């Protein structure tokens, strides 16, 4: 996604994607936590929902364990949850493919 993200505490940014019905393609965010090399969290606002995306990197004997948690949904039945699940599934699959190519 096109963006102006910077891993700086308090930085406000926008992720931009192609608009689709019922979504303008813009995600407003603010960096909430930066712990270099181990944790990053940012607030994420879109379609009337404010949520938090948190990334944690943990060293392992085989490399690095990456954990992503996206919290703040009203329920797993909400349209926002289903949309995020679809988007994150695609993103994580691509991330796994790229990370596999590096090894």
C-alpha atoms as a PDB file:
ATOM      1  CA  UNK A   1       0.000   0.000   0.000  1.00  0.00           C
ATOM      2  CA  UNK A   2       1.139   3.527  -0.679  1.00  0.00           C
ATOM      3  CA  UNK A   3       1.820   5.191   2.657  1.00  0.00           C
ATOM      4  CA  UNK A   4       3.711   7.798   4.641  1.00  0.00           C
ATOM      5  CA  UNK A   5       4.425   5.493   7.601  1.00  0.00           C
ATOM      6  CA  UNK A   6       7.443   6.140   9.839  1.00  0.00           C
ATOM      7  CA  UNK A   7       8.279   4.042  12.916  1.00  0.00           C
ATOM      8  CA  UNK A   8       8.315   7.121  15.152  1.00  0.00           C
ATOM      9  CA  UNK A   9       6.223   7.284  18.317  1.00  0.00           C
ATOM     10  CA  UNK A  10       3.206   9.547  17.742  1.00  0.00           C
ATOM     11  CA  UNK A  11       3.668   9.753  13.954  1.00  0.00           C
ATOM     12  CA  UNK A  12       0.331  10.006  12.126  1.00  0.00           C
ATOM     13  CA  UNK A  13       0.168   8.302   8.746  1.00  0.00           C
ATOM     14  CA  UNK A  14      -2.139   7.033   6.015  1.00  0.00           C
ATOM     15  CA  UNK A  15      -2.143   3.704   4.200  1.00  0.00           C
ATOM     16  CA  UNK A  16      -3.767   4.051   0.763  1.00  0.00           C
ATOM     17  CA  UNK A  17      -5.238   1.283  -1.361  1.00  0.00           C
ATOM     18  CA  UNK A  18      -7.660   1.085  -4.257  1.00  0.00           C
ATOM     19  CA  UNK A  19     -11.161   2.083  -3.135  1.00  0.00           C
ATOM     20  CA  UNK A  20     -13.841  -0.593  -3.176  1.00  0.00           C
ATOM     21  CA  UNK A  21     -17.582  -0.380  -2.521  1.00  0.00           C
ATOM     22  CA  UNK A  22     -18.187   0.941   1.010  1.00  0.00           C
ATOM     23  CA  UNK A  23     -14.481   1.777   1.571  1.00  0.00           C
ATOM     24  CA  UNK A  24     -12.470   4.742   0.288  1.00  0.00           C
ATOM     25  CA  UNK A  25      -9.182   2.814   0.433  1.00  0.00           C
ATOM     26  CA  UNK A  26      -7.679   4.993   3.195  1.00  0.00           C
ATOM     27  CA  UNK A  27      -6.547   3.751   6.600  1.00  0.00           C
ATOM     28  CA  UNK A  28      -5.593   6.464   9.103  1.00  0.00           C
ATOM     29  CA  UNK A  29      -3.033   5.488  11.700  1.00  0.00           C
ATOM     30  CA  UNK A  30      -0.815   6.626  14.546  1.00  0.00           C
ATOM     31  CA  UNK A  31       2.290   4.904  15.880  1.00  0.00           C
ATOM     32  CA  UNK A  32       1.616   3.907  19.498  1.00  0.00           C
ATOM     33  CA  UNK A  33       4.701   1.857  20.436  1.00  0.00           C
ATOM     34  CA  UNK A  34       8.194   1.490  19.041  1.00  0.00           C
ATOM     35  CA  UNK A  35      10.591  -0.928  20.698  1.00  0.00           C
ATOM     36  CA  UNK A  36      13.338  -1.304  18.070  1.00  0.00           C
ATOM     37  CA  UNK A  37      13.897  -4.809  16.751  1.00  0.00           C
ATOM     38  CA  UNK A  38      11.157  -6.328  18.931  1.00  0.00           C
ATOM     39  CA  UNK A  39       7.792  -4.522  18.980  1.00  0.00           C
ATOM     40  CA  UNK A  40       5.726  -2.067  16.963  1.00  0.00           C
ATOM     41  CA  UNK A  41       2.101  -1.063  17.485  1.00  0.00           C
ATOM     42  CA  UNK A  42      -0.104   1.445  15.734  1.00  0.00           C
ATOM     43  CA  UNK A  43      -3.675   2.608  15.952  1.00  0.00           C
ATOM     44  CA  UNK A  44      -5.662   1.902  12.807  1.00  0.00           C
ATOM     45  CA  UNK A  45      -8.848   3.706  11.887  1.00  0.00           C
ATOM     46  CA  UNK A  46     -11.067   2.935   8.937  1.00  0.00           C
ATOM     47  CA  UNK A  47     -14.790   2.661   8.240  1.00  0.00           C
ATOM     48  CA  UNK A  48     -15.687   3.986  11.695  1.00  0.00           C
ATOM     49  CA  UNK A  49     -13.578   1.405  13.547  1.00  0.00           C
ATOM     50  CA  UNK A  50     -10.550   2.232  15.682  1.00  0.00           C
ATOM     51  CA  UNK A  51      -8.317  -0.761  16.342  1.00  0.00           C
ATOM     52  CA  UNK A  52      -4.704  -1.599  17.158  1.00  0.00           C
ATOM     53  CA  UNK A  53      -2.213  -3.576  15.097  1.00  0.00           C
ATOM     54  CA  UNK A  54       0.729  -4.934  17.103  1.00  0.00           C
ATOM     55  CA  UNK A  55       3.804  -6.724  15.764  1.00  0.00           C
ATOM     56  CA  UNK A  56       6.225  -8.653  17.977  1.00  0.00           C
ATOM     57  CA  UNK A  57       9.506 -10.186  16.781  1.00  0.00           C
ATOM     58  CA  UNK A  58      11.068 -12.887  18.939  1.00  0.00           C
ATOM     59  CA  UNK A  59      14.438 -14.486  18.137  1.00  0.00           C
ATOM     60  CA  UNK A  60      14.404 -18.288  17.849  1.00  0.00           C
ATOM     61  CA  UNK A  61      17.062 -20.884  17.088  1.00  0.00           C
ATOM     62  CA  UNK A  62      15.698 -21.108  13.529  1.00  0.00           C
ATOM     63  CA  UNK A  63      15.413 -17.350  12.922  1.00  0.00           C
ATOM     64  CA  UNK A  64      12.625 -15.026  14.056  1.00  0.00           C
ATOM     65  CA  UNK A  65       9.067 -15.671  15.185  1.00  0.00           C
ATOM     66  CA  UNK A  66       6.721 -12.933  13.892  1.00  0.00           C
ATOM     67  CA  UNK A  67       3.442 -12.351  15.739  1.00  0.00           C
ATOM     68  CA  UNK A  68       0.803  -9.920  14.481  1.00  0.00           C
ATOM     69  CA  UNK A  69      -2.309  -9.134  16.481  1.00  0.00           C
ATOM     70  CA  UNK A  70      -5.102  -6.860  15.256  1.00  0.00           C
ATOM     71  CA  UNK A  71      -7.494  -6.062  18.116  1.00  0.00           C
ATOM     72  CA  UNK A  72     -10.510  -3.845  18.690  1.00  0.00           C
ATOM     73  CA  UNK A  73     -13.251  -5.462  16.606  1.00  0.00           C
ATOM     74  CA  UNK A  74     -16.800  -5.512  17.959  1.00  0.00           C
ATOM     75  CA  UNK A  75     -17.156  -9.217  17.060  1.00  0.00           C
ATOM     76  CA  UNK A  76     -15.885 -11.901  14.718  1.00  0.00           C
ATOM     77  CA  UNK A  77     -19.168 -11.543  12.835  1.00  0.00           C
ATOM     78  CA  UNK A  78     -18.687  -7.855  12.028  1.00  0.00           C
ATOM     79  CA  UNK A  79     -17.958  -6.757   8.467  1.00  0.00           C
ATOM     80  CA  UNK A  80     -14.809  -4.989   9.654  1.00  0.00           C
ATOM     81  CA  UNK A  81     -13.453  -8.200  11.215  1.00  0.00           C
ATOM     82  CA  UNK A  82     -14.247 -10.248   8.111  1.00  0.00           C
ATOM     83  CA  UNK A  83     -12.651  -7.635   5.847  1.00  0.00           C
ATOM     84  CA  UNK A  84      -9.522  -7.452   7.986  1.00  0.00           C
ATOM     85  CA  UNK A  85      -9.283 -11.242   8.172  1.00  0.00           C
ATOM     86  CA  UNK A  86      -9.429 -11.452   4.379  1.00  0.00           C
ATOM     87  CA  UNK A  87      -6.819  -8.713   3.932  1.00  0.00           C
ATOM     88  CA  UNK A  88      -4.432  -9.987   6.596  1.00  0.00           C
ATOM     89  CA  UNK A  89      -4.657 -13.562   5.309  1.00  0.00           C
ATOM     90  CA  UNK A  90      -3.519 -12.392   1.873  1.00  0.00           C
ATOM     91  CA  UNK A  91      -0.781 -10.206   3.350  1.00  0.00           C
ATOM     92  CA  UNK A  92       0.585 -12.903   5.694  1.00  0.00           C
ATOM     93  CA  UNK A  93       0.593 -15.489   2.893  1.00  0.00           C
ATOM     94  CA  UNK A  94       2.673 -13.118   0.753  1.00  0.00           C
ATOM     95  CA  UNK A  95       4.981 -12.355   3.706  1.00  0.00           C
ATOM     96  CA  UNK A  96       5.547 -16.074   4.313  1.00  0.00           C
ATOM     97  CA  UNK A  97       6.338 -16.592   0.629  1.00  0.00           C
ATOM     98  CA  UNK A  98       8.836 -13.700   0.577  1.00  0.00           C
ATOM     99  CA  UNK A  99      10.454 -14.796   3.866  1.00  0.00           C
ATOM    100  CA  UNK A 100      10.775 -18.334   2.509  1.00  0.00           C
ATOM    101  CA  UNK A 101      12.618 -17.017  -0.531  1.00  0.00           C
ATOM    102  CA  UNK A 102      15.169 -15.294   1.716  1.00  0.00           C
ATOM    103  CA  UNK A 103      16.171 -18.485   3.526  1.00  0.00           C
END
